[in-house]
N, C-alpha and C. Protein backbone atom coordinates (compact mmCIF):
# COMPACT_ATOMS: atom_id res chain seq x y z
N MET A 1 -3.60 125.25 -25.20
CA MET A 1 -4.47 124.12 -25.04
C MET A 1 -3.79 123.07 -24.15
N ALA A 2 -4.56 122.44 -23.31
CA ALA A 2 -4.03 121.44 -22.37
C ALA A 2 -3.60 120.17 -23.11
N HIS A 3 -2.66 119.48 -22.51
CA HIS A 3 -2.22 118.18 -23.01
C HIS A 3 -3.40 117.21 -22.96
N ARG A 4 -3.69 116.55 -24.07
CA ARG A 4 -4.84 115.65 -24.14
C ARG A 4 -4.37 114.20 -24.25
N THR A 5 -4.77 113.41 -23.24
CA THR A 5 -4.43 111.99 -23.22
C THR A 5 -5.69 111.16 -23.41
N ALA A 6 -5.60 110.19 -24.33
CA ALA A 6 -6.70 109.26 -24.57
C ALA A 6 -6.28 107.88 -24.12
N LEU A 7 -7.25 107.11 -23.70
CA LEU A 7 -7.03 105.73 -23.30
C LEU A 7 -7.78 104.83 -24.28
N CYS A 8 -7.07 103.87 -24.85
CA CYS A 8 -7.67 102.87 -25.74
C CYS A 8 -7.63 101.53 -25.02
N PRO A 9 -8.69 101.19 -24.28
CA PRO A 9 -8.68 99.94 -23.53
C PRO A 9 -9.21 98.78 -24.36
N GLY A 10 -8.76 97.58 -24.03
CA GLY A 10 -9.27 96.40 -24.70
C GLY A 10 -8.50 95.17 -24.29
N THR A 11 -8.95 94.04 -24.82
CA THR A 11 -8.29 92.78 -24.54
C THR A 11 -7.13 92.53 -25.49
N PHE A 12 -7.33 92.84 -26.77
CA PHE A 12 -6.27 92.72 -27.79
C PHE A 12 -5.65 91.32 -27.79
N ASP A 13 -6.51 90.30 -27.88
CA ASP A 13 -6.04 88.92 -27.76
C ASP A 13 -6.43 88.08 -28.97
N PRO A 14 -5.73 88.19 -30.06
CA PRO A 14 -4.51 88.95 -30.31
C PRO A 14 -4.84 90.34 -30.86
N PRO A 15 -3.84 91.23 -30.87
CA PRO A 15 -4.05 92.54 -31.50
C PRO A 15 -4.17 92.35 -33.01
N THR A 16 -5.20 92.97 -33.59
CA THR A 16 -5.43 92.87 -35.03
C THR A 16 -5.04 94.18 -35.72
N LEU A 17 -5.01 94.15 -37.03
CA LEU A 17 -4.74 95.37 -37.79
C LEU A 17 -5.88 96.38 -37.59
N GLY A 18 -7.07 95.90 -37.32
CA GLY A 18 -8.18 96.80 -36.99
C GLY A 18 -7.92 97.55 -35.70
N HIS A 19 -7.42 96.85 -34.68
CA HIS A 19 -7.05 97.52 -33.42
C HIS A 19 -5.99 98.58 -33.69
N MET A 20 -4.97 98.20 -34.46
CA MET A 20 -3.86 99.12 -34.72
C MET A 20 -4.34 100.34 -35.49
N ASP A 21 -5.29 100.15 -36.39
CA ASP A 21 -5.85 101.27 -37.14
C ASP A 21 -6.54 102.26 -36.20
N VAL A 22 -7.32 101.77 -35.25
CA VAL A 22 -7.99 102.65 -34.29
C VAL A 22 -6.97 103.43 -33.47
N VAL A 23 -5.94 102.76 -32.99
CA VAL A 23 -4.92 103.43 -32.18
C VAL A 23 -4.17 104.46 -33.02
N ARG A 24 -3.83 104.12 -34.25
CA ARG A 24 -3.13 105.07 -35.12
C ARG A 24 -3.98 106.31 -35.37
N ARG A 25 -5.25 106.13 -35.57
CA ARG A 25 -6.14 107.27 -35.80
C ARG A 25 -6.27 108.11 -34.54
N ALA A 26 -6.35 107.45 -33.39
CA ALA A 26 -6.41 108.19 -32.12
C ALA A 26 -5.11 108.97 -31.90
N ALA A 27 -3.99 108.39 -32.29
CA ALA A 27 -2.69 109.06 -32.11
C ALA A 27 -2.59 110.34 -32.92
N ARG A 28 -3.36 110.45 -33.99
CA ARG A 28 -3.39 111.70 -34.76
C ARG A 28 -4.26 112.76 -34.09
N MET A 29 -5.18 112.32 -33.24
CA MET A 29 -6.13 113.25 -32.62
C MET A 29 -5.73 113.73 -31.23
N PHE A 30 -4.86 112.96 -30.56
CA PHE A 30 -4.52 113.26 -29.17
C PHE A 30 -3.02 113.38 -28.99
N ASP A 31 -2.61 114.13 -27.97
CA ASP A 31 -1.19 114.30 -27.68
C ASP A 31 -0.54 113.00 -27.25
N GLU A 32 -1.28 112.22 -26.47
CA GLU A 32 -0.78 110.94 -25.98
C GLU A 32 -1.91 109.92 -26.01
N VAL A 33 -1.57 108.70 -26.39
CA VAL A 33 -2.54 107.61 -26.38
C VAL A 33 -1.93 106.48 -25.55
N VAL A 34 -2.70 106.02 -24.58
CA VAL A 34 -2.29 104.90 -23.77
C VAL A 34 -3.16 103.71 -24.16
N VAL A 35 -2.52 102.69 -24.70
CA VAL A 35 -3.22 101.45 -25.01
C VAL A 35 -3.20 100.63 -23.73
N ALA A 36 -4.39 100.35 -23.21
CA ALA A 36 -4.51 99.66 -21.92
C ALA A 36 -5.08 98.28 -22.14
N ILE A 37 -4.27 97.27 -21.85
CA ILE A 37 -4.63 95.89 -22.08
C ILE A 37 -5.20 95.27 -20.81
N VAL A 38 -6.42 94.76 -20.92
CA VAL A 38 -7.04 94.08 -19.79
C VAL A 38 -6.28 92.77 -19.56
N ARG A 39 -5.77 92.60 -18.36
CA ARG A 39 -5.00 91.39 -18.05
C ARG A 39 -5.85 90.13 -18.20
N ALA A 40 -6.95 90.04 -17.49
CA ALA A 40 -7.84 88.87 -17.53
C ALA A 40 -9.28 89.37 -17.50
N PRO A 41 -9.89 89.55 -18.66
CA PRO A 41 -11.25 90.08 -18.71
C PRO A 41 -12.25 89.19 -17.98
N GLN A 42 -13.18 89.82 -17.29
CA GLN A 42 -14.17 89.08 -16.49
C GLN A 42 -15.18 88.36 -17.36
N HIS A 43 -15.50 88.90 -18.52
CA HIS A 43 -16.57 88.35 -19.35
C HIS A 43 -16.08 87.41 -20.45
N LYS A 44 -14.81 87.06 -20.43
CA LYS A 44 -14.26 86.21 -21.47
C LYS A 44 -13.41 85.11 -20.86
N ALA A 45 -13.09 84.13 -21.69
CA ALA A 45 -12.22 83.03 -21.25
C ALA A 45 -10.80 83.56 -21.03
N GLN A 46 -9.97 82.74 -20.45
CA GLN A 46 -8.57 83.09 -20.23
C GLN A 46 -7.93 83.49 -21.57
N PRO A 47 -7.22 84.60 -21.61
CA PRO A 47 -6.60 85.03 -22.87
C PRO A 47 -5.59 84.01 -23.40
N LEU A 48 -5.48 83.94 -24.72
CA LEU A 48 -4.50 83.07 -25.38
C LEU A 48 -3.09 83.58 -25.12
N PHE A 49 -2.91 84.90 -25.20
CA PHE A 49 -1.61 85.53 -24.97
C PHE A 49 -1.59 86.18 -23.60
N SER A 50 -0.46 86.09 -22.92
CA SER A 50 -0.32 86.79 -21.63
C SER A 50 -0.35 88.29 -21.88
N ALA A 51 -0.58 89.03 -20.83
CA ALA A 51 -0.57 90.49 -20.95
C ALA A 51 0.78 90.98 -21.46
N GLU A 52 1.85 90.37 -20.98
CA GLU A 52 3.20 90.76 -21.41
C GLU A 52 3.41 90.49 -22.90
N GLU A 53 2.89 89.36 -23.38
CA GLU A 53 3.00 89.06 -24.81
C GLU A 53 2.20 90.07 -25.64
N ARG A 54 1.01 90.40 -25.18
CA ARG A 54 0.18 91.37 -25.92
C ARG A 54 0.82 92.74 -25.93
N ILE A 55 1.43 93.13 -24.81
CA ILE A 55 2.13 94.41 -24.76
C ILE A 55 3.25 94.43 -25.81
N GLU A 56 4.06 93.39 -25.84
CA GLU A 56 5.17 93.32 -26.81
C GLU A 56 4.67 93.36 -28.24
N LEU A 57 3.60 92.64 -28.54
CA LEU A 57 3.07 92.61 -29.90
C LEU A 57 2.55 93.98 -30.33
N ILE A 58 1.89 94.68 -29.42
CA ILE A 58 1.37 96.01 -29.75
C ILE A 58 2.50 97.03 -29.84
N GLU A 59 3.45 96.97 -28.91
CA GLU A 59 4.59 97.89 -28.99
C GLU A 59 5.34 97.72 -30.30
N ASP A 60 5.50 96.48 -30.74
CA ASP A 60 6.16 96.21 -32.01
C ASP A 60 5.38 96.83 -33.17
N ALA A 61 4.08 96.66 -33.17
CA ALA A 61 3.24 97.16 -34.27
C ALA A 61 3.18 98.69 -34.31
N LEU A 62 3.34 99.33 -33.18
CA LEU A 62 3.18 100.79 -33.09
C LEU A 62 4.48 101.51 -32.74
N ALA A 63 5.60 100.86 -32.96
CA ALA A 63 6.91 101.42 -32.59
C ALA A 63 7.19 102.77 -33.25
N ASP A 64 6.56 103.03 -34.36
CA ASP A 64 6.79 104.29 -35.08
C ASP A 64 5.99 105.46 -34.51
N LEU A 65 5.16 105.23 -33.52
CA LEU A 65 4.33 106.29 -32.94
C LEU A 65 4.87 106.70 -31.57
N PRO A 66 5.59 107.82 -31.51
CA PRO A 66 6.20 108.23 -30.24
C PRO A 66 5.20 108.66 -29.17
N ASN A 67 3.96 108.95 -29.56
CA ASN A 67 2.97 109.41 -28.57
C ASN A 67 2.05 108.29 -28.09
N VAL A 68 2.46 107.03 -28.33
CA VAL A 68 1.66 105.89 -27.88
C VAL A 68 2.46 105.07 -26.88
N ARG A 69 1.81 104.75 -25.75
CA ARG A 69 2.39 103.86 -24.74
C ARG A 69 1.44 102.69 -24.54
N VAL A 70 1.98 101.57 -24.10
CA VAL A 70 1.17 100.38 -23.87
C VAL A 70 1.40 99.90 -22.44
N ARG A 71 0.31 99.54 -21.78
CA ARG A 71 0.38 99.02 -20.41
C ARG A 71 -0.76 98.04 -20.21
N SER A 72 -0.71 97.33 -19.11
CA SER A 72 -1.81 96.42 -18.78
C SER A 72 -2.50 96.93 -17.52
N PHE A 73 -3.67 96.36 -17.26
CA PHE A 73 -4.40 96.72 -16.05
C PHE A 73 -5.33 95.60 -15.64
N SER A 74 -5.72 95.61 -14.38
CA SER A 74 -6.67 94.63 -13.87
C SER A 74 -7.60 95.28 -12.86
N THR A 75 -7.95 96.53 -13.15
CA THR A 75 -8.87 97.30 -12.32
C THR A 75 -9.97 97.86 -13.21
N LEU A 76 -10.77 98.75 -12.68
CA LEU A 76 -11.77 99.43 -13.51
C LEU A 76 -11.07 100.33 -14.52
N VAL A 77 -11.60 100.38 -15.72
CA VAL A 77 -11.00 101.21 -16.77
C VAL A 77 -11.02 102.69 -16.36
N VAL A 78 -12.05 103.13 -15.63
CA VAL A 78 -12.09 104.53 -15.20
C VAL A 78 -10.96 104.85 -14.23
N ASP A 79 -10.55 103.87 -13.43
CA ASP A 79 -9.42 104.07 -12.52
C ASP A 79 -8.12 104.21 -13.29
N VAL A 80 -7.97 103.42 -14.35
CA VAL A 80 -6.78 103.52 -15.19
C VAL A 80 -6.75 104.88 -15.88
N ALA A 81 -7.89 105.32 -16.37
CA ALA A 81 -7.97 106.62 -17.02
C ALA A 81 -7.54 107.74 -16.06
N LYS A 82 -8.04 107.70 -14.85
CA LYS A 82 -7.66 108.70 -13.85
C LYS A 82 -6.16 108.64 -13.58
N GLU A 83 -5.64 107.43 -13.40
CA GLU A 83 -4.21 107.23 -13.13
C GLU A 83 -3.34 107.81 -14.25
N GLU A 84 -3.80 107.66 -15.48
CA GLU A 84 -3.04 108.13 -16.65
C GLU A 84 -3.33 109.58 -17.01
N GLY A 85 -4.31 110.20 -16.36
CA GLY A 85 -4.68 111.56 -16.70
C GLY A 85 -5.45 111.64 -18.01
N ALA A 86 -6.06 110.53 -18.42
CA ALA A 86 -6.84 110.51 -19.66
C ALA A 86 -8.21 111.13 -19.42
N THR A 87 -8.68 111.87 -20.40
CA THR A 87 -10.00 112.49 -20.30
C THR A 87 -10.99 111.86 -21.26
N ILE A 88 -10.50 110.92 -22.06
CA ILE A 88 -11.37 110.29 -23.04
C ILE A 88 -10.97 108.84 -23.27
N LEU A 89 -11.97 107.99 -23.44
CA LEU A 89 -11.76 106.60 -23.84
C LEU A 89 -12.05 106.53 -25.33
N VAL A 90 -11.18 105.90 -26.08
CA VAL A 90 -11.40 105.72 -27.51
C VAL A 90 -11.66 104.25 -27.75
N LYS A 91 -12.81 103.95 -28.34
CA LYS A 91 -13.22 102.58 -28.61
C LYS A 91 -13.53 102.43 -30.10
N GLY A 92 -13.07 101.34 -30.67
CA GLY A 92 -13.37 101.05 -32.06
C GLY A 92 -14.67 100.29 -32.18
N LEU A 93 -15.43 100.59 -33.23
CA LEU A 93 -16.68 99.89 -33.49
C LEU A 93 -16.64 99.29 -34.88
N ARG A 94 -16.96 98.00 -34.96
CA ARG A 94 -17.01 97.33 -36.27
C ARG A 94 -18.43 97.23 -36.78
N ALA A 95 -19.36 96.90 -35.90
CA ALA A 95 -20.73 96.62 -36.31
C ALA A 95 -21.70 97.03 -35.21
N VAL A 96 -22.98 96.92 -35.50
CA VAL A 96 -24.01 97.27 -34.53
C VAL A 96 -23.86 96.44 -33.26
N SER A 97 -23.46 95.20 -33.39
CA SER A 97 -23.29 94.35 -32.20
C SER A 97 -22.23 94.91 -31.25
N ASP A 98 -21.16 95.50 -31.79
CA ASP A 98 -20.16 96.16 -30.94
C ASP A 98 -20.79 97.36 -30.23
N PHE A 99 -21.61 98.11 -30.96
CA PHE A 99 -22.18 99.33 -30.41
C PHE A 99 -23.01 99.04 -29.17
N GLU A 100 -23.81 97.99 -29.20
CA GLU A 100 -24.69 97.70 -28.07
C GLU A 100 -23.89 97.53 -26.78
N TRP A 101 -22.83 96.72 -26.82
CA TRP A 101 -21.99 96.50 -25.64
C TRP A 101 -21.27 97.79 -25.24
N GLU A 102 -20.65 98.46 -26.21
CA GLU A 102 -19.88 99.67 -25.91
C GLU A 102 -20.77 100.80 -25.42
N PHE A 103 -21.99 100.88 -25.92
CA PHE A 103 -22.96 101.88 -25.47
C PHE A 103 -23.25 101.68 -23.98
N GLN A 104 -23.49 100.43 -23.58
CA GLN A 104 -23.74 100.13 -22.17
C GLN A 104 -22.53 100.49 -21.31
N MET A 105 -21.34 100.11 -21.78
CA MET A 105 -20.12 100.40 -21.02
C MET A 105 -19.87 101.90 -20.92
N ALA A 106 -20.13 102.63 -21.98
CA ALA A 106 -19.93 104.09 -21.96
C ALA A 106 -20.82 104.74 -20.91
N HIS A 107 -22.05 104.30 -20.82
CA HIS A 107 -22.96 104.86 -19.81
C HIS A 107 -22.55 104.46 -18.40
N LEU A 108 -22.13 103.23 -18.22
CA LEU A 108 -21.67 102.79 -16.91
C LEU A 108 -20.42 103.58 -16.50
N ASN A 109 -19.48 103.74 -17.43
CA ASN A 109 -18.28 104.53 -17.13
C ASN A 109 -18.61 105.98 -16.83
N ALA A 110 -19.61 106.54 -17.51
CA ALA A 110 -20.03 107.92 -17.26
C ALA A 110 -20.62 108.07 -15.87
N GLU A 111 -21.28 107.04 -15.39
CA GLU A 111 -21.81 107.07 -14.02
C GLU A 111 -20.66 107.03 -13.01
N LEU A 112 -19.65 106.22 -13.30
CA LEU A 112 -18.51 106.05 -12.40
C LEU A 112 -17.56 107.24 -12.42
N ALA A 113 -17.41 107.84 -13.61
CA ALA A 113 -16.47 108.96 -13.79
C ALA A 113 -17.06 109.95 -14.78
N PRO A 114 -17.93 110.86 -14.31
CA PRO A 114 -18.62 111.79 -15.20
C PRO A 114 -17.69 112.67 -16.03
N GLU A 115 -16.48 112.88 -15.56
CA GLU A 115 -15.51 113.72 -16.28
C GLU A 115 -14.86 113.00 -17.46
N LEU A 116 -15.08 111.71 -17.58
CA LEU A 116 -14.46 110.90 -18.62
C LEU A 116 -15.44 110.70 -19.77
N GLU A 117 -15.03 111.10 -20.96
CA GLU A 117 -15.85 110.94 -22.16
C GLU A 117 -15.47 109.65 -22.88
N THR A 118 -16.37 109.16 -23.71
CA THR A 118 -16.09 108.02 -24.58
C THR A 118 -16.31 108.46 -26.01
N ALA A 119 -15.35 108.17 -26.86
CA ALA A 119 -15.47 108.46 -28.30
C ALA A 119 -15.37 107.15 -29.05
N PHE A 120 -16.21 107.01 -30.05
CA PHE A 120 -16.21 105.80 -30.87
C PHE A 120 -15.59 106.12 -32.22
N VAL A 121 -14.69 105.24 -32.65
CA VAL A 121 -14.06 105.36 -33.96
C VAL A 121 -14.58 104.20 -34.80
N MET A 122 -15.21 104.54 -35.89
CA MET A 122 -15.77 103.51 -36.76
C MET A 122 -14.65 102.80 -37.51
N SER A 123 -14.78 101.50 -37.59
CA SER A 123 -13.81 100.69 -38.32
C SER A 123 -13.89 101.00 -39.80
N TYR A 124 -12.75 100.98 -40.45
CA TYR A 124 -12.76 101.04 -41.89
C TYR A 124 -13.34 99.73 -42.41
N PRO A 125 -13.97 99.73 -43.57
CA PRO A 125 -14.58 98.50 -44.10
C PRO A 125 -13.61 97.31 -44.16
N ASP A 126 -12.33 97.58 -44.43
CA ASP A 126 -11.35 96.49 -44.49
C ASP A 126 -11.28 95.68 -43.21
N TRP A 127 -11.59 96.31 -42.08
CA TRP A 127 -11.45 95.66 -40.77
C TRP A 127 -12.79 95.39 -40.10
N SER A 128 -13.88 95.70 -40.75
CA SER A 128 -15.19 95.63 -40.09
C SER A 128 -15.61 94.21 -39.71
N PHE A 129 -15.03 93.21 -40.31
CA PHE A 129 -15.39 91.83 -40.00
C PHE A 129 -14.31 91.11 -39.19
N VAL A 130 -13.20 91.80 -38.91
CA VAL A 130 -12.07 91.17 -38.24
C VAL A 130 -12.21 91.32 -36.72
N SER A 131 -12.24 90.19 -36.04
CA SER A 131 -12.28 90.20 -34.57
C SER A 131 -11.14 89.33 -34.06
N SER A 132 -10.71 89.60 -32.85
CA SER A 132 -9.67 88.77 -32.24
C SER A 132 -10.12 87.32 -32.14
N SER A 133 -11.36 87.11 -31.74
CA SER A 133 -11.84 85.73 -31.60
C SER A 133 -11.87 85.03 -32.95
N GLY A 134 -12.26 85.74 -34.00
CA GLY A 134 -12.24 85.14 -35.34
C GLY A 134 -10.84 84.80 -35.80
N VAL A 135 -9.90 85.71 -35.54
CA VAL A 135 -8.50 85.47 -35.90
C VAL A 135 -7.96 84.27 -35.14
N ARG A 136 -8.27 84.18 -33.84
CA ARG A 136 -7.81 83.02 -33.04
C ARG A 136 -8.36 81.72 -33.61
N GLU A 137 -9.62 81.73 -34.01
CA GLU A 137 -10.23 80.51 -34.54
C GLU A 137 -9.58 80.10 -35.87
N VAL A 138 -9.39 81.06 -36.77
CA VAL A 138 -8.73 80.75 -38.04
C VAL A 138 -7.34 80.18 -37.78
N ALA A 139 -6.60 80.82 -36.89
CA ALA A 139 -5.24 80.35 -36.58
C ALA A 139 -5.26 78.96 -35.95
N ALA A 140 -6.22 78.71 -35.08
CA ALA A 140 -6.30 77.42 -34.39
C ALA A 140 -6.51 76.26 -35.37
N PHE A 141 -7.13 76.56 -36.51
CA PHE A 141 -7.37 75.53 -37.52
C PHE A 141 -6.38 75.59 -38.67
N GLY A 142 -5.29 76.36 -38.47
CA GLY A 142 -4.21 76.39 -39.45
C GLY A 142 -4.42 77.33 -40.60
N GLY A 143 -5.42 78.20 -40.52
CA GLY A 143 -5.68 79.15 -41.60
C GLY A 143 -4.69 80.31 -41.61
N ASP A 144 -4.64 81.00 -42.72
CA ASP A 144 -3.74 82.14 -42.91
C ASP A 144 -4.38 83.40 -42.33
N VAL A 145 -3.75 83.98 -41.33
CA VAL A 145 -4.26 85.19 -40.69
C VAL A 145 -3.44 86.43 -41.07
N SER A 146 -2.53 86.29 -42.01
CA SER A 146 -1.58 87.37 -42.32
C SER A 146 -2.24 88.63 -42.85
N LYS A 147 -3.48 88.56 -43.32
CA LYS A 147 -4.18 89.76 -43.79
C LYS A 147 -4.81 90.54 -42.65
N TYR A 148 -4.86 89.94 -41.46
CA TYR A 148 -5.60 90.53 -40.35
C TYR A 148 -4.73 90.98 -39.19
N VAL A 149 -3.47 90.54 -39.18
CA VAL A 149 -2.56 90.86 -38.07
C VAL A 149 -1.17 91.16 -38.63
N THR A 150 -0.32 91.72 -37.81
CA THR A 150 1.06 91.97 -38.24
C THR A 150 1.78 90.62 -38.40
N ALA A 151 2.91 90.65 -39.09
CA ALA A 151 3.70 89.43 -39.29
C ALA A 151 4.13 88.85 -37.95
N ARG A 152 4.47 89.70 -37.00
CA ARG A 152 4.90 89.21 -35.69
C ARG A 152 3.76 88.52 -34.94
N VAL A 153 2.55 89.07 -35.07
CA VAL A 153 1.40 88.44 -34.43
C VAL A 153 1.09 87.10 -35.12
N ALA A 154 1.18 87.07 -36.44
CA ALA A 154 0.95 85.81 -37.17
C ALA A 154 1.94 84.74 -36.72
N ASP A 155 3.20 85.12 -36.56
CA ASP A 155 4.21 84.18 -36.06
C ASP A 155 3.88 83.70 -34.65
N ALA A 156 3.45 84.63 -33.81
CA ALA A 156 3.10 84.28 -32.43
C ALA A 156 1.91 83.33 -32.39
N LEU A 157 0.96 83.53 -33.28
CA LEU A 157 -0.19 82.62 -33.35
C LEU A 157 0.23 81.23 -33.81
N ARG A 158 1.12 81.17 -34.81
CA ARG A 158 1.62 79.87 -35.27
C ARG A 158 2.34 79.15 -34.12
N ALA A 159 3.06 79.89 -33.30
CA ALA A 159 3.76 79.29 -32.16
C ALA A 159 2.77 78.78 -31.11
N LYS A 160 1.61 79.40 -30.99
CA LYS A 160 0.60 78.95 -30.03
C LYS A 160 -0.09 77.67 -30.51
N PHE A 161 -0.11 77.46 -31.83
CA PHE A 161 -0.78 76.29 -32.40
C PHE A 161 0.19 75.52 -33.29
N PRO A 162 1.29 75.02 -32.73
CA PRO A 162 2.33 74.37 -33.55
C PRO A 162 1.90 73.04 -34.16
N GLU A 163 0.94 72.36 -33.55
CA GLU A 163 0.55 71.04 -34.03
C GLU A 163 -0.45 71.07 -35.17
N VAL A 164 -0.92 72.27 -35.54
CA VAL A 164 -1.92 72.40 -36.58
C VAL A 164 -1.30 72.21 -37.95
N GLU A 165 -1.97 71.40 -38.76
CA GLU A 165 -1.51 71.20 -40.13
C GLU A 165 -1.88 72.44 -40.94
N ARG A 166 -0.90 73.01 -41.60
CA ARG A 166 -1.12 74.23 -42.37
C ARG A 166 -1.31 73.87 -43.83
N GLY A 167 -2.35 74.47 -44.41
CA GLY A 167 -2.63 74.16 -45.81
C GLY A 167 -2.21 75.21 -46.76
């Protein structure tokens, strides 16, 4: 059987335990998983964490997985997949609202690169309500995000919002 590489693209700003769960599950299914971090997404505001910071946070969280690599990109995801030799995109879905966007992107990517498949991994219920934007908002107001991110990410968020009164 041929070596199978999957690409897990996303913003990961910040990386959540839900993101890490999807990557860990993909790592069990594929020989290699490349976590591809969008440097500056077109449809979102400037990221809170730089691409380099997000790479470090994800590498730290997944250090025990020898078949996972992390990189950034600022091109089309299909171009990154081709560059990495990936034949499949793995995307996590939390809710129907995620599906609508990812469904559109999967079809657009299929038009651009018909040889590239998209697979959706359903979120476990524990992570179905956790989003990066929600975690950022809780952290910005001094809330405890330790249930949703690794300890290192929680520390990094506290460093981004040092003036917030913590309760």
